[in-house]
Amino acid sequence: MSRKIVRDGSRGPGSASSLRVNPWRLLVVDDEPDIISLTRISLSDFHFDGRPLEIVQAASGFQAQQLLTLDGAFAVVLIDVVMESPDAGLLLVEFIRNHLQNRTMRLIIRTGQPGFAPEKRVIDAYDIDDYKEKTELTAWKLYTTVRTAIKSYRDLTAIAANRRGLERILEGSPDLYRYRSLERFFQGVLQQVGGLLPGNGHGFVVGTFEDLSALFASPSAEDGPWIQEAQQIRSGLGRYAADPALWQEPLARAVAALRLREDDPRWTVDETGHLVLPLTAHGQVFGVVYLELQRPLSSSDQQILSVFALQCGSALENFQLLTRLEQARESLAAARRHALHMLAVASEYKDQETGNHVQRIEHYSRAIAESMGLPAEECAAIGDASVLHDLGKIAIPDLILQKPGRLTEEEWVIMRTHSEWGARILGEAPWFQMASQIALFHHEQWDGNGYPNGLRGEAIPLSARVVAVADCFDALVCTRPYKAPWPIQEAVAEIRQQSGLRFDPTVVAAFLKVYDSGRLETIRAELGRY
């Protein structure tokens, strides 16, 4: 079903009548009430860029400093020079620029006593934007002066907002790419959008692991059920975090707003003038950000949002790729484990007397590796690969492999070749690299008296050293054609005695921890003792 989500050309992001339009703010600092009254009259019908003017007054430089300390959100300040002192206005300029560190606010000096503050000296010495004598500021010139100053302020704040927004995008982008779960990704997007735009701290994100396009194309009568099904992933800001029941109505409005656009899955606004940002990848919609706005989006806001939307789409595509790679990796790992166990079954086919020997070795080996503090993936790999430690016995003649008594020296020579046969069968395939090492080296000994190569100490691969202990323990405590089972305490004592001789002392210490924990007996109880 195709999406019907086209922007309604009659409505722009700044046309929402339900949003209060923030006025430009002008601070008039003058100790002459008549000047303040004339300023109000001259600017009574002032509008710029669709916004009116709010005038705030202060009767002294000191009063203005107090006001600006509490509330510095002014676009322009008209400052008289001579008030409570001959240089009160100039001191106010220094306060704004140096103490408040505000370089964006436009400052206009106007004076009725130019002799106290000559124009050239003031312009050269102070960071101001204009200098006017009160006699030259007619109503029209005052209007144009304030308009020029506000335009300059708007442009400067737009540049600053763009810079801050891009900084936040750059700061936030690595986090978006790091999120390995879609839920955390959506939460991160909501936090980033809330920080970039003039919101009031209230919003939410709704998403799903499936394509949400059907949600936007579904009949309006079905909105409720569809929306409920879609809310698989959700995160809220402000009141939406505290009460998810509030989501239903604005989400329905968001869906309605998106339906007004066709094959153009970019941001829009709903009927109340709040932001609706679909999160898309490869033309599919996976989530929706809803953010309450304090004012219509400016051109600067829109530019930032466009960049961020592209960034989110790129991050979503990367997330999808990572997810597919992870799924492929898991599938390959499952196939590898299946192949290992199939080969293990084949290796036991000729040696039925060993029962569940390879399954016990797998669990013993994993337990010992975990006791050594190895990474979880390495522990699992050692356990999986251990099941093929005796794969080479497939190549040993039945008369030797199934002989009820002890082997002769000549027969032992043949039996020992099973380690080399195992490595040869497994070859050099990357999947079987560890299994091949275990098959070849699990009969090597720490003191160098093992076979087939007489390796010593850490020259023996760690995986083979772990399996050597696990294999010996199981062989001792289980029945074999040539021997009765040993009591578990005697088998443990034998392995302890061989620490530093046959076995790696570190591996033996880990084995003893597993024994003391009772885990060896648990494995034997679950998989059989013989």
Protein backbone atom coordinates (compact mmCIF):
# COMPACT_ATOMS: atom_id res chain seq x y z
CA MET A 1 0.00 0.00 0.00
CA SER A 2 1.54 3.32 -1.01
CA ARG A 3 2.02 6.19 1.41
CA LYS A 4 -0.01 9.39 1.02
CA ILE A 5 2.19 11.75 2.91
CA VAL A 6 2.47 14.97 0.89
CA ARG A 7 3.04 18.41 2.37
CA ASP A 8 -0.05 20.61 2.11
CA GLY A 9 1.31 23.62 0.22
CA SER A 10 -1.11 25.96 1.96
CA ARG A 11 0.45 25.32 5.31
CA GLY A 12 4.05 26.01 6.18
CA PRO A 13 5.83 25.35 9.45
CA GLY A 14 5.44 28.99 10.42
CA SER A 15 1.71 29.25 9.72
CA ALA A 16 0.34 27.47 12.74
CA SER A 17 -1.96 29.99 14.39
CA SER A 18 -2.03 28.01 17.62
CA LEU A 19 1.57 28.90 18.39
CA ARG A 20 2.25 32.15 20.19
CA VAL A 21 4.54 34.34 18.11
CA ASN A 22 7.43 35.53 20.25
CA PRO A 23 8.01 39.29 19.84
CA TRP A 24 11.33 40.99 19.31
CA ARG A 25 12.37 42.57 22.59
CA LEU A 26 13.71 46.14 22.82
CA LEU A 27 15.15 47.60 26.03
CA VAL A 28 15.00 51.41 26.27
CA VAL A 29 17.38 52.82 28.90
CA ASP A 30 16.72 56.52 29.49
CA ASP A 31 15.98 58.77 32.46
CA GLU A 32 13.65 61.02 30.46
CA PRO A 33 10.03 59.72 30.54
CA ASP A 34 9.09 61.78 27.47
CA ILE A 35 11.80 60.07 25.39
CA ILE A 36 10.50 56.66 26.44
CA SER A 37 6.92 57.65 25.59
CA LEU A 38 7.94 58.98 22.15
CA THR A 39 9.86 55.77 21.50
CA ARG A 40 6.78 53.68 22.29
CA ILE A 41 4.59 55.82 20.03
CA SER A 42 7.08 55.77 17.14
CA LEU A 43 7.40 51.98 17.29
CA SER A 44 3.79 51.10 18.15
CA ASP A 45 3.07 49.36 14.85
CA PHE A 46 6.51 47.82 14.42
CA HIS A 47 6.65 44.34 12.83
CA PHE A 48 9.60 42.52 11.35
CA ASP A 49 9.72 39.02 9.92
CA GLY A 50 6.18 38.40 11.12
CA ARG A 51 6.94 39.29 14.74
CA PRO A 52 5.85 42.37 16.73
CA LEU A 53 7.97 44.42 19.11
CA GLU A 54 7.90 44.32 22.91
CA ILE A 55 9.39 47.40 24.62
CA VAL A 56 10.82 47.22 28.13
CA GLN A 57 12.10 50.34 29.89
CA ALA A 58 14.76 51.14 32.49
CA ALA A 59 15.29 54.58 34.00
CA SER A 60 19.00 54.21 34.80
CA GLY A 61 22.07 52.27 33.84
CA PHE A 62 22.05 50.49 37.22
CA GLN A 63 18.40 49.44 36.80
CA ALA A 64 19.21 48.15 33.31
CA GLN A 65 22.11 46.09 34.68
CA GLN A 66 19.80 44.46 37.22
CA LEU A 67 17.20 43.76 34.54
CA LEU A 68 19.73 42.31 32.09
CA THR A 69 21.25 40.11 34.79
CA LEU A 70 17.86 38.49 35.37
CA ASP A 71 16.66 38.51 31.76
CA GLY A 72 19.10 39.09 28.92
CA ALA A 73 16.80 38.06 26.08
CA PHE A 74 16.79 41.38 24.24
CA ALA A 75 17.50 41.92 20.57
CA VAL A 76 18.30 45.64 20.81
CA VAL A 77 19.13 48.08 23.62
CA LEU A 78 18.69 51.86 23.12
CA ILE A 79 21.02 53.50 25.65
CA ASP A 80 21.21 57.11 26.80
CA VAL A 81 24.73 58.16 27.83
CA VAL A 82 24.11 60.68 30.59
CA MET A 83 21.80 59.36 33.32
CA GLU A 84 22.73 58.85 36.99
CA SER A 85 26.28 59.71 35.96
CA PRO A 86 27.85 61.36 32.86
CA ASP A 87 29.04 57.95 31.61
CA ALA A 88 26.28 55.66 32.95
CA GLY A 89 25.33 54.53 29.43
CA LEU A 90 28.92 53.72 28.48
CA LEU A 91 29.37 51.73 31.69
CA LEU A 92 26.24 49.77 30.73
CA VAL A 93 27.79 48.97 27.33
CA GLU A 94 30.92 47.62 29.08
CA PHE A 95 28.72 45.60 31.45
CA ILE A 96 26.82 43.96 28.59
CA ARG A 97 29.87 43.19 26.46
CA ASN A 98 32.42 42.32 29.16
CA HIS A 99 30.49 41.12 32.21
CA LEU A 100 27.56 39.41 30.49
CA GLN A 101 29.80 38.40 27.55
CA ASN A 102 26.93 39.15 25.17
CA ARG A 103 28.22 39.96 21.69
CA THR A 104 24.95 39.34 19.86
CA MET A 105 22.70 41.98 21.42
CA ARG A 106 22.65 45.14 19.27
CA LEU A 107 23.56 48.28 21.24
CA ILE A 108 22.58 51.75 20.03
CA ILE A 109 23.85 54.81 21.86
CA ARG A 110 21.61 57.89 21.65
CA THR A 111 22.40 61.06 23.53
CA GLY A 112 21.00 64.53 23.99
CA GLN A 113 24.39 65.84 25.17
CA PRO A 114 26.92 64.81 22.52
CA GLY A 115 29.60 66.95 24.15
CA PHE A 116 29.84 64.54 27.08
CA ALA A 117 30.48 61.59 24.73
CA PRO A 118 31.93 62.64 21.37
CA GLU A 119 30.83 60.29 18.60
CA LYS A 120 34.29 59.32 17.29
CA ARG A 121 35.68 58.49 20.75
CA VAL A 122 32.64 56.41 21.70
CA ILE A 123 32.58 54.46 18.43
CA ASP A 124 36.33 53.77 18.65
CA ALA A 125 36.41 52.85 22.34
CA TYR A 126 33.15 50.91 22.84
CA ASP A 127 31.63 47.88 21.14
CA ILE A 128 28.44 49.54 19.92
CA ASP A 129 26.45 49.21 16.72
CA ASP A 130 25.24 52.76 16.19
CA TYR A 131 25.51 56.26 17.66
CA LYS A 132 22.68 58.76 17.30
CA GLU A 133 21.86 62.17 18.66
CA LYS A 134 18.31 62.32 19.97
CA THR A 135 17.53 65.31 17.79
CA GLU A 136 18.21 63.32 14.60
CA LEU A 137 16.10 60.33 15.60
CA THR A 138 12.77 61.27 14.02
CA ALA A 139 9.98 58.71 14.19
CA TRP A 140 10.90 57.30 10.77
CA LYS A 141 14.64 57.21 11.44
CA LEU A 142 14.02 55.54 14.80
CA TYR A 143 11.90 52.90 13.04
CA THR A 144 14.55 52.20 10.39
CA THR A 145 17.39 52.19 12.95
CA VAL A 146 15.62 49.65 15.14
CA ARG A 147 14.63 47.56 12.12
CA THR A 148 18.23 47.45 10.87
CA ALA A 149 19.46 46.49 14.33
CA ILE A 150 16.88 43.71 14.72
CA LYS A 151 17.69 42.36 11.26
CA SER A 152 21.35 42.25 12.23
CA TYR A 153 20.43 40.52 15.51
CA ARG A 154 18.29 37.97 13.65
CA ASP A 155 21.09 37.15 11.23
CA LEU A 156 23.68 36.85 14.00
CA THR A 157 21.46 34.58 16.10
CA ALA A 158 20.71 32.46 13.05
CA ILE A 159 24.43 32.01 12.42
CA ALA A 160 24.99 31.18 16.09
CA ALA A 161 22.05 28.75 16.13
CA ASN A 162 23.32 27.04 13.01
CA ARG A 163 26.76 26.73 14.57
CA ARG A 164 25.39 25.34 17.85
CA GLY A 165 23.07 23.01 15.99
CA LEU A 166 25.85 21.66 13.81
CA GLU A 167 28.03 21.24 16.89
CA ARG A 168 25.28 19.25 18.56
CA ILE A 169 24.80 17.15 15.46
CA LEU A 170 28.52 16.43 15.30
CA GLU A 171 28.59 15.70 19.02
CA GLY A 172 25.52 13.50 18.83
CA SER A 173 26.32 11.61 15.63
CA PRO A 174 28.83 9.20 17.19
CA ASP A 175 26.24 8.31 19.83
CA LEU A 176 23.62 7.57 17.18
CA TYR A 177 26.03 5.27 15.36
CA ARG A 178 26.99 3.54 18.60
CA TYR A 179 23.46 2.56 19.58
CA ARG A 180 23.26 -1.17 18.94
CA SER A 181 19.55 -1.47 19.77
CA LEU A 182 16.81 0.32 17.88
CA GLU A 183 15.18 1.39 21.13
CA ARG A 184 18.29 3.21 22.33
CA PHE A 185 18.73 4.70 18.87
CA PHE A 186 15.23 6.21 18.93
CA GLN A 187 15.76 7.56 22.44
CA GLY A 188 18.97 9.22 21.29
CA VAL A 189 17.21 10.81 18.29
CA LEU A 190 14.52 12.26 20.57
CA GLN A 191 17.14 13.76 22.89
CA GLN A 192 19.05 15.26 19.96
CA VAL A 193 15.98 16.82 18.31
CA GLY A 194 14.83 18.20 21.66
CA GLY A 195 18.20 19.88 22.09
CA LEU A 196 18.40 21.30 18.59
CA LEU A 197 14.99 22.94 18.23
CA PRO A 198 12.97 25.53 20.19
CA GLY A 199 10.88 22.96 22.01
CA ASN A 200 9.39 23.23 25.48
CA GLY A 201 10.82 19.96 26.73
CA HIS A 202 7.77 17.82 25.87
CA GLY A 203 7.78 15.17 23.15
CA PHE A 204 8.03 11.50 22.37
CA VAL A 205 9.31 9.02 19.82
CA VAL A 206 7.37 5.98 18.63
CA GLY A 207 8.98 3.29 16.52
CA THR A 208 8.94 -0.33 15.55
CA PHE A 209 11.27 -3.00 14.27
CA GLU A 210 9.03 -3.23 11.22
CA ASP A 211 8.20 -0.69 8.51
CA LEU A 212 5.60 1.82 9.74
CA SER A 213 4.51 2.92 6.27
CA ALA A 214 1.23 1.04 6.60
CA LEU A 215 0.45 3.13 9.67
CA PHE A 216 0.45 6.31 7.59
CA ALA A 217 -1.57 4.79 4.77
CA SER A 218 -4.22 3.06 6.93
CA PRO A 219 -7.80 4.40 6.88
CA SER A 220 -8.48 7.02 9.54
CA ALA A 221 -11.09 4.81 11.19
CA GLU A 222 -8.36 2.27 11.89
CA ASP A 223 -5.91 4.73 13.46
CA GLY A 224 -6.40 3.54 17.00
CA PRO A 225 -5.61 -0.15 16.50
CA TRP A 226 -2.75 0.58 14.09
CA ILE A 227 -1.15 3.06 16.48
CA GLN A 228 -1.39 0.68 19.39
CA GLU A 229 0.30 -2.05 17.37
CA ALA A 230 3.02 0.36 16.27
CA GLN A 231 4.02 1.39 19.78
CA GLN A 232 6.64 -1.28 20.24
CA ILE A 233 9.44 1.18 20.95
CA ARG A 234 8.76 4.37 22.79
CA SER A 235 10.48 7.09 24.74
CA GLY A 236 9.10 10.34 26.11
CA LEU A 237 10.29 13.75 27.24
CA GLY A 238 8.59 15.94 29.82
CA ARG A 239 4.97 15.10 30.52
CA TYR A 240 5.00 12.37 27.85
CA ALA A 241 7.61 10.49 29.85
CA ALA A 242 5.46 10.71 32.96
CA ASP A 243 2.16 9.77 31.30
CA PRO A 244 2.27 7.66 28.09
CA ALA A 245 -1.52 7.84 27.94
CA LEU A 246 -1.08 11.36 26.54
CA TRP A 247 0.57 10.02 23.39
CA GLN A 248 -2.49 8.75 21.55
CA GLU A 249 -4.01 12.06 20.40
CA PRO A 250 -0.81 13.80 19.24
CA LEU A 251 0.33 10.61 17.52
CA ALA A 252 -2.96 10.49 15.63
CA ARG A 253 -2.40 14.12 14.57
CA ALA A 254 1.16 13.26 13.54
CA VAL A 255 -0.08 10.42 11.35
CA ALA A 256 -2.68 12.71 9.80
CA ALA A 257 -0.02 15.33 9.06
CA LEU A 258 2.23 12.75 7.41
CA ARG A 259 -0.61 11.53 5.22
CA LEU A 260 -0.74 14.98 3.65
CA ARG A 261 2.58 14.22 2.00
CA GLU A 262 3.24 11.76 -0.79
CA ASP A 263 6.54 9.92 -1.26
CA ASP A 264 8.33 12.72 0.61
CA PRO A 265 9.09 11.41 4.09
CA ARG A 266 10.53 14.58 5.59
CA TRP A 267 9.51 16.61 8.61
CA THR A 268 6.21 18.47 8.79
CA VAL A 269 3.96 20.04 11.44
CA ASP A 270 0.62 18.83 12.74
CA GLU A 271 -2.56 20.90 12.98
CA THR A 272 -1.42 22.43 16.28
CA GLY A 273 1.90 23.54 14.78
CA HIS A 274 4.11 20.97 16.53
CA LEU A 275 6.92 19.06 14.87
CA VAL A 276 6.42 15.66 13.25
CA LEU A 277 9.67 14.04 12.12
CA PRO A 278 9.47 10.59 10.48
CA LEU A 279 12.61 8.46 10.84
CA THR A 280 13.25 6.73 7.53
CA ALA A 281 15.72 4.41 5.90
CA HIS A 282 15.58 3.09 2.33
CA GLY A 283 12.14 4.70 1.87
CA GLN A 284 10.68 2.92 4.90
CA VAL A 285 9.39 4.71 7.98
CA PHE A 286 10.58 3.09 11.20
CA GLY A 287 9.68 5.77 13.73
CA VAL A 288 8.13 9.17 14.37
CA VAL A 289 9.46 11.98 16.57
CA TYR A 290 6.83 14.36 17.97
CA LEU A 291 8.07 17.55 19.64
CA GLU A 292 6.01 20.41 21.01
CA LEU A 293 7.38 23.73 19.76
CA GLN A 294 7.44 27.07 21.52
CA ARG A 295 7.35 28.99 18.26
CA PRO A 296 7.24 28.33 14.51
CA LEU A 297 10.47 26.95 13.09
CA SER A 298 12.76 29.61 11.69
CA SER A 299 14.69 29.14 8.48
CA SER A 300 17.72 28.34 10.64
CA ASP A 301 15.74 25.69 12.54
CA GLN A 302 14.59 24.19 9.26
CA GLN A 303 18.12 23.97 7.92
CA ILE A 304 19.32 22.26 11.10
CA LEU A 305 16.37 19.88 11.01
CA SER A 306 17.02 18.95 7.38
CA VAL A 307 20.65 18.14 8.15
CA PHE A 308 19.66 16.16 11.22
CA ALA A 309 16.97 14.22 9.34
CA LEU A 310 19.57 13.17 6.77
CA GLN A 311 21.93 12.21 9.60
CA CYS A 312 19.22 10.10 11.24
CA GLY A 313 18.44 8.37 7.95
CA SER A 314 22.11 7.56 7.47
CA ALA A 315 22.38 6.29 11.04
CA LEU A 316 19.27 4.13 10.58
CA GLU A 317 20.68 2.64 7.39
CA ASN A 318 23.94 1.87 9.19
CA PHE A 319 21.97 0.37 12.05
CA GLN A 320 20.09 -1.85 9.62
CA LEU A 321 23.37 -2.93 8.05
CA LEU A 322 24.90 -3.71 11.44
CA THR A 323 21.80 -5.65 12.41
CA ARG A 324 21.91 -7.71 9.23
CA LEU A 325 25.62 -8.36 9.66
CA GLU A 326 24.99 -9.44 13.25
CA GLN A 327 22.19 -11.74 12.13
CA ALA A 328 24.45 -13.18 9.44
CA ARG A 329 27.22 -13.65 11.99
CA GLU A 330 24.84 -15.43 14.34
CA SER A 331 23.61 -17.63 11.50
CA LEU A 332 27.17 -18.52 10.57
CA ALA A 333 27.99 -19.22 14.21
CA ALA A 334 24.93 -21.48 14.50
CA ALA A 335 25.93 -23.28 11.29
CA ARG A 336 29.46 -23.68 12.65
CA ARG A 337 28.18 -25.16 15.91
CA HIS A 338 25.92 -27.50 13.98
CA ALA A 339 28.83 -28.65 11.81
CA LEU A 340 30.99 -29.19 14.90
CA HIS A 341 28.38 -31.34 16.58
CA MET A 342 27.69 -33.33 13.41
CA LEU A 343 31.39 -34.11 13.16
CA ALA A 344 31.42 -34.96 16.87
CA VAL A 345 28.63 -37.47 16.31
CA ALA A 346 30.68 -38.99 13.50
CA SER A 347 33.74 -39.21 15.74
CA GLU A 348 31.73 -41.14 18.38
CA TYR A 349 30.21 -43.51 15.87
CA LYS A 350 33.11 -45.97 16.10
CA ASP A 351 33.60 -45.53 19.85
CA GLN A 352 30.18 -46.03 21.40
CA GLU A 353 31.66 -46.96 24.77
CA THR A 354 32.45 -43.30 25.42
CA GLY A 355 28.73 -42.41 25.71
CA ASN A 356 28.24 -38.68 26.27
CA HIS A 357 31.98 -38.10 26.57
CA VAL A 358 32.17 -35.24 24.05
CA GLN A 359 29.18 -33.43 25.57
CA ARG A 360 30.77 -33.63 29.02
CA ILE A 361 34.09 -32.40 27.63
CA GLU A 362 32.28 -29.44 26.09
CA HIS A 363 30.74 -28.43 29.42
CA TYR A 364 33.89 -29.13 31.45
CA SER A 365 36.03 -27.11 29.06
CA ARG A 366 33.64 -24.16 29.04
CA ALA A 367 33.41 -24.21 32.84
CA ILE A 368 37.21 -24.26 33.23
CA ALA A 369 37.63 -21.39 30.73
CA GLU A 370 35.01 -19.34 32.59
CA SER A 371 36.77 -20.06 35.88
CA MET A 372 39.96 -18.66 34.33
CA GLY A 373 38.14 -15.40 33.63
CA LEU A 374 38.40 -15.65 29.85
CA PRO A 375 36.01 -13.56 27.70
CA ALA A 376 32.57 -15.12 27.22
CA GLU A 377 33.05 -15.52 23.45
CA GLU A 378 36.35 -17.35 23.97
CA CYS A 379 34.81 -19.62 26.62
CA ALA A 380 32.00 -20.52 24.22
CA ALA A 381 34.46 -21.10 21.35
CA ILE A 382 36.61 -23.44 23.47
CA GLY A 383 33.54 -25.38 24.56
CA ASP A 384 32.23 -25.68 20.99
CA ALA A 385 35.59 -26.69 19.53
CA SER A 386 36.36 -29.21 22.27
CA VAL A 387 33.77 -31.68 20.96
CA LEU A 388 36.12 -32.50 18.07
CA HIS A 389 39.18 -33.23 20.20
CA ASP A 390 39.06 -36.96 19.25
CA LEU A 391 37.74 -36.58 15.69
CA GLY A 392 40.88 -38.32 14.36
CA LYS A 393 39.79 -41.60 15.94
CA ILE A 394 37.68 -42.06 12.82
CA ALA A 395 40.95 -43.06 11.11
CA ILE A 396 41.98 -45.57 13.80
CA PRO A 397 41.27 -49.27 13.05
CA ASP A 398 38.40 -50.80 15.03
CA LEU A 399 40.64 -53.58 16.37
CA ILE A 400 42.69 -50.98 18.20
CA LEU A 401 39.96 -48.47 19.05
CA GLN A 402 37.60 -51.11 20.51
CA LYS A 403 40.21 -53.43 22.04
CA PRO A 404 38.97 -54.55 25.49
CA GLY A 405 42.44 -54.73 27.06
CA ARG A 406 45.53 -52.55 27.19
CA LEU A 407 47.20 -51.62 23.93
CA THR A 408 50.60 -52.85 22.92
CA GLU A 409 53.39 -50.39 22.22
CA GLU A 410 52.86 -50.79 18.49
CA GLU A 411 49.13 -50.20 18.89
CA TRP A 412 49.82 -47.08 20.97
CA VAL A 413 51.92 -45.68 18.15
CA ILE A 414 48.93 -46.04 15.84
CA MET A 415 46.47 -44.72 18.44
CA ARG A 416 48.54 -41.58 18.98
CA THR A 417 48.20 -40.68 15.32
CA HIS A 418 44.56 -39.76 15.98
CA SER A 419 45.63 -36.26 17.00
CA GLU A 420 47.31 -35.66 13.64
CA TRP A 421 44.44 -37.30 11.79
CA GLY A 422 41.99 -34.95 13.53
CA ALA A 423 43.94 -31.86 12.47
CA ARG A 424 44.27 -33.23 8.95
CA ILE A 425 40.52 -33.85 8.65
CA LEU A 426 39.65 -30.39 9.93
CA GLY A 427 42.19 -28.80 7.60
CA GLU A 428 42.81 -25.05 7.61
CA ALA A 429 39.23 -23.80 7.40
CA PRO A 430 38.84 -20.67 9.59
CA TRP A 431 35.71 -22.13 11.16
CA PHE A 432 37.67 -25.09 12.51
CA GLN A 433 40.96 -23.39 13.42
CA MET A 434 40.54 -23.77 17.20
CA ALA A 435 39.06 -27.27 16.85
CA SER A 436 42.06 -28.25 14.72
CA GLN A 437 44.48 -26.94 17.35
CA ILE A 438 42.68 -28.82 20.11
CA ALA A 439 42.60 -32.05 18.11
CA LEU A 440 46.33 -31.80 17.36
CA PHE A 441 47.67 -30.59 20.71
CA HIS A 442 45.38 -31.78 23.53
CA HIS A 443 47.82 -34.61 24.32
CA GLU A 444 50.81 -32.28 24.62
CA GLN A 445 52.08 -31.87 28.18
CA TRP A 446 53.21 -28.81 30.15
CA ASP A 447 56.65 -30.40 30.81
CA GLY A 448 57.17 -31.25 27.11
CA ASN A 449 56.67 -35.04 27.40
CA GLY A 450 53.46 -35.18 25.37
CA TYR A 451 52.71 -35.85 21.70
CA PRO A 452 52.73 -35.39 18.73
CA ASN A 453 55.29 -32.53 18.77
CA GLY A 454 56.60 -32.45 22.34
CA LEU A 455 55.51 -28.84 22.87
CA ARG A 456 56.22 -27.30 26.27
CA GLY A 457 54.45 -24.73 28.47
CA GLU A 458 52.70 -21.84 26.76
CA ALA A 459 53.83 -23.05 23.35
CA ILE A 460 50.78 -25.31 23.64
CA PRO A 461 47.63 -23.40 22.61
CA LEU A 462 45.53 -22.41 25.64
CA SER A 463 42.43 -24.12 24.26
CA ALA A 464 44.34 -27.42 24.05
CA ARG A 465 45.65 -27.00 27.62
CA VAL A 466 42.08 -26.52 28.89
CA VAL A 467 40.71 -29.54 27.00
CA ALA A 468 43.64 -31.71 28.17
CA VAL A 469 42.51 -31.33 31.80
CA ALA A 470 38.82 -31.80 30.96
CA ASP A 471 39.58 -34.92 28.83
CA CYS A 472 41.80 -36.51 31.45
CA PHE A 473 39.27 -35.99 34.24
CA ASP A 474 36.44 -37.53 32.22
CA ALA A 475 38.59 -40.46 31.16
CA LEU A 476 39.54 -41.16 34.79
CA VAL A 477 36.03 -41.07 36.27
CA CYS A 478 34.34 -43.03 33.45
CA THR A 479 34.33 -46.74 32.64
CA ARG A 480 36.56 -47.84 29.77
CA PRO A 481 37.09 -51.29 28.24
CA TYR A 482 40.53 -51.39 29.84
CA LYS A 483 39.70 -49.88 33.30
CA ALA A 484 37.11 -49.28 35.99
CA PRO A 485 36.04 -45.71 36.87
CA TRP A 486 38.04 -43.83 39.49
CA PRO A 487 36.31 -42.17 42.44
CA ILE A 488 35.97 -38.48 41.66
CA GLN A 489 38.15 -37.45 44.65
CA GLU A 490 41.01 -39.64 43.40
CA ALA A 491 40.68 -38.25 39.87
CA VAL A 492 40.81 -34.69 41.20
CA ALA A 493 43.84 -35.58 43.34
CA GLU A 494 45.60 -37.02 40.28
CA ILE A 495 45.03 -33.87 38.25
CA ARG A 496 46.25 -31.73 41.17
CA GLN A 497 49.39 -33.90 41.37
CA GLN A 498 50.04 -33.45 37.64
CA SER A 499 49.93 -29.63 37.88
CA GLY A 500 53.16 -28.33 36.39
CA LEU A 501 53.94 -31.73 34.89
CA ARG A 502 51.27 -32.84 32.45
CA PHE A 503 49.02 -29.82 32.94
CA ASP A 504 49.21 -26.04 32.98
CA PRO A 505 49.08 -24.99 36.68
CA THR A 506 46.75 -22.09 35.86
CA VAL A 507 44.29 -24.41 34.15
CA VAL A 508 44.48 -26.90 37.04
CA ALA A 509 43.74 -24.11 39.55
CA ALA A 510 40.68 -23.12 37.51
CA PHE A 511 39.60 -26.79 37.32
CA LEU A 512 39.83 -27.10 41.10
CA LYS A 513 37.60 -24.02 41.50
CA VAL A 514 34.99 -25.66 39.28
CA TYR A 515 35.25 -28.86 41.34
CA ASP A 516 34.89 -26.99 44.65
CA SER A 517 31.80 -25.20 43.30
CA GLY A 518 30.06 -28.55 42.65
CA ARG A 519 29.69 -27.80 38.97
CA LEU A 520 31.55 -30.94 37.86
CA GLU A 521 29.05 -33.15 39.64
CA THR A 522 26.18 -31.14 38.17
CA ILE A 523 27.49 -31.70 34.64
CA ARG A 524 27.97 -35.41 35.29
CA ALA A 525 24.46 -35.69 36.70
CA GLU A 526 22.94 -33.96 33.68
CA LEU A 527 24.94 -35.75 30.96
CA GLY A 528 25.59 -39.14 32.53
CA ARG A 529 28.55 -40.45 34.50
CA TYR A 530 29.82 -43.11 32.11
